[in-house]
């Protein structure tokens, strides 16, 4: 029991450190290059995209192909490099910021998939799924606490100096990397090709499930506040409150999964997808800020459910020796989607407007819901 608690503390602490610091990089690098290095909009989008592409390459092509021992060396080395890079952003110039962004995105691709795999190693299904749920709960907490810490320290120090402060999280990542467990893989299973993973019904179901939510979530996080301001003419404080409502129901949903692991994952995925579609419909028909806020409360629920349910599906679909490949491909696909979606939204909003874009997304969600239902029938 004590070893289990120890492992959970290591996983939770490292998850929190990596996600809080990674989120800080993703949101603060654009601010750094805009206000300190005078990048234009196109270059800001490009440096954010190249950060994600580097993560995608490491996760999908390098980490996924290595055996357990090699991957552990890569993992620890990446964590150390990750911690070293933070202070250099404080002195970055027009050229070096590109190199730093590629480097930090690259090593990140070796961190998150292996933490996910470590959280899913326990043979007892109930314990394993509870730990995976705790892992996703730590992700939610990091997205609340991390920005709050950055907001507080920015009242005392400069934007560049925040990178030095967040070196604390980078150092914690490097230290904890030595204590993350890795699976004992069988040689015969490490040669299995990507096609075997992609053909697995559980893998496809996980990807479709996340795609159903990631697309509207990307739109909501980037343009949801702008839509509220332009449509209902609310203040910045109200916009902030909307996202507080959103993340509160998300956190409660993940807390529920931690306390009570799901019995019927396909059914809960379908319910989560329906809630996504329903929340988007409420958003589209809202004629005042009160109804609009209800849509955010509803949409927060599938935000909390989608990612954990996908991870739990992967743990049920693959034996321990194949979970690294499955998690790496899954994480790289999510990263690729996250890179492409803002570009696509930028084009559709420019040509059709924000409301029409939300309509396209709603149709997209209900269409994928049909594919999810069909795929879930093949999941055992």
Protein backbone atom coordinates (compact mmCIF):
# COMPACT_ATOMS: atom_id res chain seq x y z
CA UNK A 1 0.00 0.00 0.00
CA UNK A 2 2.83 2.38 0.87
CA UNK A 3 4.52 1.71 -2.50
CA UNK A 4 1.25 2.49 -4.27
CA UNK A 5 0.87 5.81 -2.43
CA UNK A 6 4.51 6.61 -3.22
CA UNK A 7 3.99 5.92 -6.94
CA UNK A 8 0.82 8.01 -7.05
CA UNK A 9 2.58 10.94 -5.36
CA UNK A 10 5.42 10.76 -7.89
CA UNK A 11 3.04 10.61 -10.87
CA UNK A 12 0.81 13.41 -9.55
CA UNK A 13 3.76 15.67 -8.65
CA UNK A 14 5.48 15.23 -12.00
CA UNK A 15 2.23 15.60 -13.94
CA UNK A 16 1.53 18.84 -12.12
CA UNK A 17 5.07 20.17 -12.66
CA UNK A 18 5.19 19.30 -16.38
CA UNK A 19 1.67 20.48 -17.26
CA UNK A 20 1.83 23.72 -15.26
CA UNK A 21 5.18 24.65 -16.80
CA UNK A 22 4.20 23.48 -20.30
CA UNK A 23 1.00 25.51 -20.17
CA UNK A 24 3.05 28.50 -19.04
CA UNK A 25 5.32 28.08 -22.07
CA UNK A 26 2.41 27.68 -24.49
CA UNK A 27 0.70 30.86 -23.26
CA UNK A 28 3.72 33.03 -22.41
CA UNK A 29 6.01 32.44 -25.40
CA UNK A 30 3.45 34.19 -27.69
CA UNK A 31 3.40 37.14 -25.26
CA UNK A 32 7.20 37.21 -25.12
CA UNK A 33 7.67 37.26 -28.89
CA UNK A 34 4.92 39.82 -29.45
CA UNK A 35 5.72 42.38 -26.77
CA UNK A 36 9.48 41.88 -26.34
CA UNK A 37 10.61 40.74 -29.79
CA UNK A 38 7.97 42.48 -31.95
CA UNK A 39 6.76 39.39 -33.85
CA UNK A 40 3.75 39.90 -36.12
CA UNK A 41 0.63 37.70 -36.04
CA UNK A 42 1.88 35.26 -38.67
CA UNK A 43 5.19 34.70 -36.88
CA UNK A 44 3.45 34.24 -33.52
CA UNK A 45 1.27 31.54 -35.07
CA UNK A 46 4.30 29.95 -36.71
CA UNK A 47 6.38 29.73 -33.53
CA UNK A 48 3.42 28.20 -31.67
CA UNK A 49 2.94 25.69 -34.48
CA UNK A 50 6.61 24.74 -34.62
CA UNK A 51 6.54 24.12 -30.85
CA UNK A 52 3.73 21.61 -31.38
CA UNK A 53 5.32 20.02 -34.46
CA UNK A 54 8.51 19.31 -32.48
CA UNK A 55 6.41 17.64 -29.75
CA UNK A 56 4.54 15.62 -32.38
CA UNK A 57 7.78 14.40 -33.99
CA UNK A 58 9.36 13.25 -30.71
CA UNK A 59 6.21 11.55 -29.42
CA UNK A 60 5.05 9.87 -32.61
CA UNK A 61 8.32 8.91 -34.28
CA UNK A 62 11.04 8.58 -31.62
CA UNK A 63 9.46 7.81 -28.26
CA UNK A 64 6.98 5.35 -29.77
CA UNK A 65 9.74 3.31 -31.41
CA UNK A 66 12.02 2.78 -28.40
CA UNK A 67 12.11 -0.09 -25.94
CA UNK A 68 11.54 0.49 -22.26
CA UNK A 69 15.17 0.86 -21.16
CA UNK A 70 16.08 3.19 -24.03
CA UNK A 71 12.92 5.19 -23.44
CA UNK A 72 13.74 5.65 -19.75
CA UNK A 73 17.14 7.12 -20.68
CA UNK A 74 15.47 9.42 -23.20
CA UNK A 75 12.84 10.38 -20.62
CA UNK A 76 15.33 11.37 -17.92
CA UNK A 77 17.60 13.15 -20.41
CA UNK A 78 14.64 15.07 -21.83
CA UNK A 79 13.47 16.07 -18.34
CA UNK A 80 16.93 17.43 -17.50
CA UNK A 81 17.16 19.36 -20.79
CA UNK A 82 13.59 20.63 -20.22
CA UNK A 83 14.63 22.11 -16.86
CA UNK A 84 17.81 23.66 -18.26
CA UNK A 85 16.01 25.49 -21.10
CA UNK A 86 13.69 27.70 -19.01
CA UNK A 87 16.17 30.43 -17.93
CA UNK A 88 17.38 30.85 -21.51
CA UNK A 89 13.97 32.20 -22.54
CA UNK A 90 14.65 35.15 -20.22
CA UNK A 91 17.54 36.23 -22.45
CA UNK A 92 16.18 34.96 -25.78
CA UNK A 93 16.53 37.12 -28.88
CA UNK A 94 14.87 37.03 -32.30
CA UNK A 95 16.90 33.99 -33.42
CA UNK A 96 17.42 31.98 -30.23
CA UNK A 97 13.72 31.99 -29.29
CA UNK A 98 13.02 29.78 -32.34
CA UNK A 99 15.73 27.29 -31.34
CA UNK A 100 14.53 27.25 -27.73
CA UNK A 101 10.88 26.72 -28.75
CA UNK A 102 11.78 23.80 -31.00
CA UNK A 103 14.02 22.27 -28.31
CA UNK A 104 11.52 22.55 -25.46
CA UNK A 105 8.68 21.27 -27.65
CA UNK A 106 10.86 18.36 -28.76
CA UNK A 107 11.78 17.13 -25.27
CA UNK A 108 8.20 17.57 -24.09
CA UNK A 109 7.19 14.85 -26.54
CA UNK A 110 9.18 12.35 -24.47
CA UNK A 111 7.66 13.41 -21.15
CA UNK A 112 3.86 13.30 -21.25
CA UNK A 113 3.36 9.92 -23.04
CA UNK A 114 5.64 8.15 -20.56
CA UNK A 115 3.89 9.68 -17.55
CA UNK A 116 0.59 8.44 -18.99
CA UNK A 117 2.09 4.97 -19.48
CA UNK A 118 3.48 4.93 -15.93
CA UNK A 119 0.04 5.76 -14.57
CA UNK A 120 -1.44 2.74 -16.35
CA UNK A 121 1.02 0.02 -15.31
CA UNK A 122 -0.85 -1.56 -12.39
CA UNK A 123 -2.32 -5.00 -13.19
CA UNK A 124 -5.42 -4.49 -11.04
CA UNK A 125 -7.92 -2.74 -13.34
CA UNK A 126 -9.70 -0.79 -10.60
CA UNK A 127 -6.45 0.54 -9.11
CA UNK A 128 -5.03 1.28 -12.57
CA UNK A 129 -8.07 3.24 -13.70
CA UNK A 130 -8.25 5.16 -10.45
CA UNK A 131 -4.61 6.22 -10.86
CA UNK A 132 -5.25 7.28 -14.47
CA UNK A 133 -8.20 9.35 -13.22
CA UNK A 134 -6.00 10.90 -10.51
CA UNK A 135 -3.47 11.70 -13.23
CA UNK A 136 -6.10 13.61 -15.22
CA UNK A 137 -7.24 15.33 -12.03
CA UNK A 138 -3.67 16.56 -11.55
CA UNK A 139 -3.80 17.94 -15.09
CA UNK A 140 -6.92 19.92 -14.22
CA UNK A 141 -5.39 21.27 -11.00
CA UNK A 142 -2.24 22.35 -12.83
CA UNK A 143 -4.33 24.35 -15.33
CA UNK A 144 -5.97 26.18 -12.45
CA UNK A 145 -3.00 26.68 -10.12
CA UNK A 146 -0.33 27.30 -12.79
CA UNK A 147 -1.97 30.37 -14.38
CA UNK A 148 -2.90 31.68 -10.91
CA UNK A 149 0.77 31.52 -9.86
CA UNK A 150 1.91 33.22 -13.04
CA UNK A 151 -0.74 35.92 -12.66
CA UNK A 152 0.44 36.61 -9.12
CA UNK A 153 4.18 36.75 -9.88
CA UNK A 154 3.66 39.00 -12.92
CA UNK A 155 2.61 41.74 -10.49
CA UNK A 156 6.14 41.59 -9.03
CA UNK A 157 8.46 40.57 -11.87
CA UNK A 158 8.76 41.03 -15.64
CA UNK A 159 7.46 38.70 -18.33
CA UNK A 160 10.98 37.46 -19.09
CA UNK A 161 11.68 36.78 -15.43
CA UNK A 162 8.67 34.45 -15.17
CA UNK A 163 10.64 31.90 -17.20
CA UNK A 164 13.32 31.92 -14.51
CA UNK A 165 10.69 31.48 -11.80
CA UNK A 166 9.11 28.51 -13.58
CA UNK A 167 12.52 26.84 -13.59
CA UNK A 168 11.31 25.59 -10.17
CA UNK A 169 8.81 23.37 -11.98
CA UNK A 170 11.43 22.38 -14.54
CA UNK A 171 13.85 21.30 -11.80
CA UNK A 172 11.10 19.34 -10.05
CA UNK A 173 10.41 17.59 -13.37
CA UNK A 174 14.07 16.62 -13.74
CA UNK A 175 14.33 15.27 -10.17
CA UNK A 176 11.09 13.26 -10.32
CA UNK A 177 11.96 11.75 -13.71
CA UNK A 178 14.34 9.32 -11.96
CA UNK A 179 11.43 7.83 -9.99
CA UNK A 180 8.89 7.26 -12.79
CA UNK A 181 8.27 3.56 -13.45
CA UNK A 182 8.59 2.00 -16.91
CA UNK A 183 7.06 -1.28 -18.13
CA UNK A 184 9.02 -4.48 -18.65
CA UNK A 185 8.50 -5.00 -22.38
CA UNK A 186 8.82 -8.26 -24.24
CA UNK A 187 11.08 -8.11 -27.28
CA UNK A 188 8.55 -9.81 -29.54
CA UNK A 189 5.91 -7.17 -28.83
CA UNK A 190 8.11 -4.12 -29.39
CA UNK A 191 8.29 -4.96 -33.12
CA UNK A 192 4.55 -4.52 -33.61
CA UNK A 193 3.89 -1.87 -36.24
CA UNK A 194 1.82 1.29 -35.97
CA UNK A 195 -0.89 -0.25 -38.17
CA UNK A 196 -1.65 -2.80 -35.45
CA UNK A 197 -2.26 0.05 -32.99
CA UNK A 198 -4.39 2.09 -35.42
CA UNK A 199 -6.59 -0.90 -36.28
CA UNK A 200 -7.46 -1.45 -32.63
CA UNK A 201 -11.09 -0.45 -31.99
CA UNK A 202 -10.24 0.99 -28.58
CA UNK A 203 -7.54 3.21 -30.07
CA UNK A 204 -9.84 4.49 -32.82
CA UNK A 205 -12.60 5.07 -30.30
CA UNK A 206 -10.22 7.08 -28.08
CA UNK A 207 -9.10 9.26 -31.00
CA UNK A 208 -12.66 9.91 -32.24
CA UNK A 209 -13.81 10.64 -28.69
CA UNK A 210 -11.07 13.22 -28.17
CA UNK A 211 -11.56 14.71 -31.62
CA UNK A 212 -15.24 15.28 -30.83
CA UNK A 213 -14.24 17.48 -27.94
CA UNK A 214 -10.84 18.92 -28.92
CA UNK A 215 -12.23 20.76 -31.92
CA UNK A 216 -14.95 22.73 -30.06
CA UNK A 217 -12.68 23.12 -27.01
CA UNK A 218 -10.00 24.81 -29.14
CA UNK A 219 -12.63 27.16 -30.54
CA UNK A 220 -14.05 27.92 -27.09
CA UNK A 221 -10.70 28.63 -25.45
CA UNK A 222 -9.46 30.90 -28.25
CA UNK A 223 -12.67 32.60 -29.38
CA UNK A 224 -15.30 31.88 -26.68
CA UNK A 225 -14.41 34.98 -24.69
CA UNK A 226 -14.25 37.16 -27.79
CA UNK A 227 -17.67 35.86 -28.89
CA UNK A 228 -19.13 36.75 -25.47
CA UNK A 229 -17.68 40.27 -25.59
CA UNK A 230 -18.79 41.00 -29.14
CA UNK A 231 -22.24 39.42 -28.82
CA UNK A 232 -23.25 40.36 -25.27
CA UNK A 233 -20.84 43.28 -24.63
CA UNK A 234 -19.66 41.92 -21.27
CA UNK A 235 -16.57 42.95 -19.31
CA UNK A 236 -13.28 41.08 -19.11
CA UNK A 237 -14.14 39.99 -15.57
CA UNK A 238 -17.33 38.29 -16.83
CA UNK A 239 -15.32 36.51 -19.53
CA UNK A 240 -12.94 35.26 -16.84
CA UNK A 241 -15.91 34.10 -14.78
CA UNK A 242 -17.23 32.11 -17.75
CA UNK A 243 -14.03 30.10 -17.92
CA UNK A 244 -14.06 29.64 -14.16
CA UNK A 245 -17.51 28.04 -14.52
CA UNK A 246 -16.24 25.92 -17.38
CA UNK A 247 -13.23 24.55 -15.50
CA UNK A 248 -15.21 24.03 -12.29
CA UNK A 249 -17.60 21.52 -13.89
CA UNK A 250 -14.62 19.96 -15.69
CA UNK A 251 -12.82 19.46 -12.39
CA UNK A 252 -15.92 17.99 -10.72
CA UNK A 253 -16.32 15.54 -13.61
CA UNK A 254 -12.75 14.29 -13.25
CA UNK A 255 -13.12 14.09 -9.48
CA UNK A 256 -16.18 11.90 -10.02
CA UNK A 257 -14.21 9.54 -12.29
CA UNK A 258 -11.45 9.35 -9.68
CA UNK A 259 -13.91 8.32 -6.97
CA UNK A 260 -15.95 6.01 -9.21
CA UNK A 261 -14.11 4.54 -12.23
CA UNK A 262 -16.49 3.96 -15.16
CA UNK A 263 -18.07 0.57 -15.82
CA UNK A 264 -19.43 1.20 -19.32
CA UNK A 265 -16.91 3.42 -21.13
CA UNK A 266 -18.59 3.39 -24.59
CA UNK A 267 -21.88 4.57 -23.05
CA UNK A 268 -20.16 7.32 -21.07
CA UNK A 269 -18.27 8.43 -24.18
CA UNK A 270 -21.54 8.71 -26.09
CA UNK A 271 -23.15 10.67 -23.23
CA UNK A 272 -20.11 12.97 -23.10
CA UNK A 273 -20.31 13.53 -26.88
CA UNK A 274 -24.03 14.27 -26.65
CA UNK A 275 -23.36 16.81 -23.90
CA UNK A 276 -20.78 18.46 -26.17
CA UNK A 277 -23.32 18.75 -28.98
CA UNK A 278 -26.05 19.91 -26.61
CA UNK A 279 -23.77 22.54 -25.05
CA UNK A 280 -22.86 23.88 -28.48
CA UNK A 281 -26.55 24.13 -29.46
CA UNK A 282 -27.25 26.10 -26.25
CA UNK A 283 -24.30 28.36 -27.06
CA UNK A 284 -25.62 29.02 -30.57
CA UNK A 285 -29.19 29.83 -29.50
CA UNK A 286 -28.21 31.90 -26.45
CA UNK A 287 -29.58 35.44 -26.62
CA UNK A 288 -28.19 36.64 -23.29
CA UNK A 289 -25.11 36.08 -21.15
CA UNK A 290 -27.01 33.93 -18.63
CA UNK A 291 -27.92 31.26 -21.22
CA UNK A 292 -24.44 31.55 -22.70
CA UNK A 293 -22.94 30.84 -19.26
CA UNK A 294 -25.16 27.73 -18.97
CA UNK A 295 -23.58 26.45 -22.20
CA UNK A 296 -20.13 26.85 -20.60
CA UNK A 297 -21.27 24.92 -17.53
CA UNK A 298 -22.54 22.09 -19.75
CA UNK A 299 -19.45 22.06 -21.98
CA UNK A 300 -17.19 21.82 -18.94
CA UNK A 301 -18.59 18.37 -18.13
CA UNK A 302 -17.38 16.63 -21.33
CA UNK A 303 -14.11 18.54 -21.04
CA UNK A 304 -13.60 16.73 -17.74
CA UNK A 305 -14.76 13.35 -19.04
CA UNK A 306 -13.33 13.08 -22.56
CA UNK A 307 -9.58 12.77 -21.97
CA UNK A 308 -9.82 10.41 -18.94
CA UNK A 309 -12.27 8.13 -20.77
CA UNK A 310 -9.93 7.97 -23.77
CA UNK A 311 -6.96 7.08 -21.57
CA UNK A 312 -8.96 4.43 -19.71
CA UNK A 313 -10.00 2.95 -23.05
CA UNK A 314 -6.34 2.69 -24.08
CA UNK A 315 -5.44 0.92 -20.83
CA UNK A 316 -8.22 -1.62 -21.43
CA UNK A 317 -7.33 -2.09 -25.09
CA UNK A 318 -3.59 -2.78 -24.85
CA UNK A 319 -1.33 -4.91 -22.63
CA UNK A 320 1.35 -3.05 -20.62
CA UNK A 321 4.10 -3.71 -23.16
CA UNK A 322 2.12 -1.97 -25.93
CA UNK A 323 0.73 0.97 -23.99
CA UNK A 324 3.74 3.17 -24.69
CA UNK A 325 3.18 2.88 -28.44
CA UNK A 326 -0.56 3.48 -28.05
CA UNK A 327 -0.07 6.45 -25.70
CA UNK A 328 2.67 7.95 -27.88
CA UNK A 329 0.59 7.74 -31.06
CA UNK A 330 -2.46 9.03 -29.22
CA UNK A 331 -0.56 11.99 -27.75
CA UNK A 332 1.07 12.81 -31.09
CA UNK A 333 -2.31 12.78 -32.88
CA UNK A 334 -3.74 15.17 -30.27
CA UNK A 335 -0.72 17.44 -30.72
CA UNK A 336 -1.13 17.43 -34.51
CA UNK A 337 -4.81 18.28 -34.16
CA UNK A 338 -3.94 21.09 -31.76
CA UNK A 339 -1.52 22.49 -34.34
CA UNK A 340 -3.95 22.42 -37.27
CA UNK A 341 -7.19 23.53 -35.60
CA UNK A 342 -6.25 27.19 -34.89
CA UNK A 343 -5.13 27.60 -38.52
CA UNK A 344 -8.41 26.15 -39.83
CA UNK A 345 -10.48 28.29 -37.46
CA UNK A 346 -8.61 31.41 -38.47
CA UNK A 347 -9.56 30.80 -42.10
CA UNK A 348 -13.22 29.90 -41.45
CA UNK A 349 -13.77 32.88 -39.15
CA UNK A 350 -12.19 35.20 -41.70
CA UNK A 351 -14.47 33.97 -44.50
CA UNK A 352 -17.68 33.00 -42.68
CA UNK A 353 -17.64 34.71 -39.28
CA UNK A 354 -17.58 33.33 -35.74
CA UNK A 355 -21.17 32.14 -35.43
CA UNK A 356 -21.11 30.20 -38.71
CA UNK A 357 -17.85 28.59 -37.56
CA UNK A 358 -19.60 27.44 -34.37
CA UNK A 359 -22.39 25.98 -36.54
CA UNK A 360 -19.82 24.07 -38.64
CA UNK A 361 -18.27 22.71 -35.44
CA UNK A 362 -21.67 21.60 -34.09
CA UNK A 363 -22.41 19.70 -37.32
CA UNK A 364 -18.92 18.18 -37.14
CA UNK A 365 -19.51 16.98 -33.56
CA UNK A 366 -22.82 15.26 -34.36
CA UNK A 367 -21.30 13.64 -37.46
CA UNK A 368 -18.40 12.22 -35.47
CA UNK A 369 -20.86 11.06 -32.83
CA UNK A 370 -22.25 8.61 -35.40
CA UNK A 371 -18.73 7.29 -36.09
CA UNK A 372 -18.11 6.96 -32.34
CA UNK A 373 -21.30 4.96 -31.93
CA UNK A 374 -20.32 2.64 -34.77
CA UNK A 375 -16.76 2.16 -33.50
CA UNK A 376 -17.89 1.55 -29.92
CA UNK A 377 -19.82 -1.54 -31.12
CA UNK A 378 -16.46 -3.18 -31.97
CA UNK A 379 -14.93 -2.34 -28.59
CA UNK A 380 -14.81 -5.22 -26.16
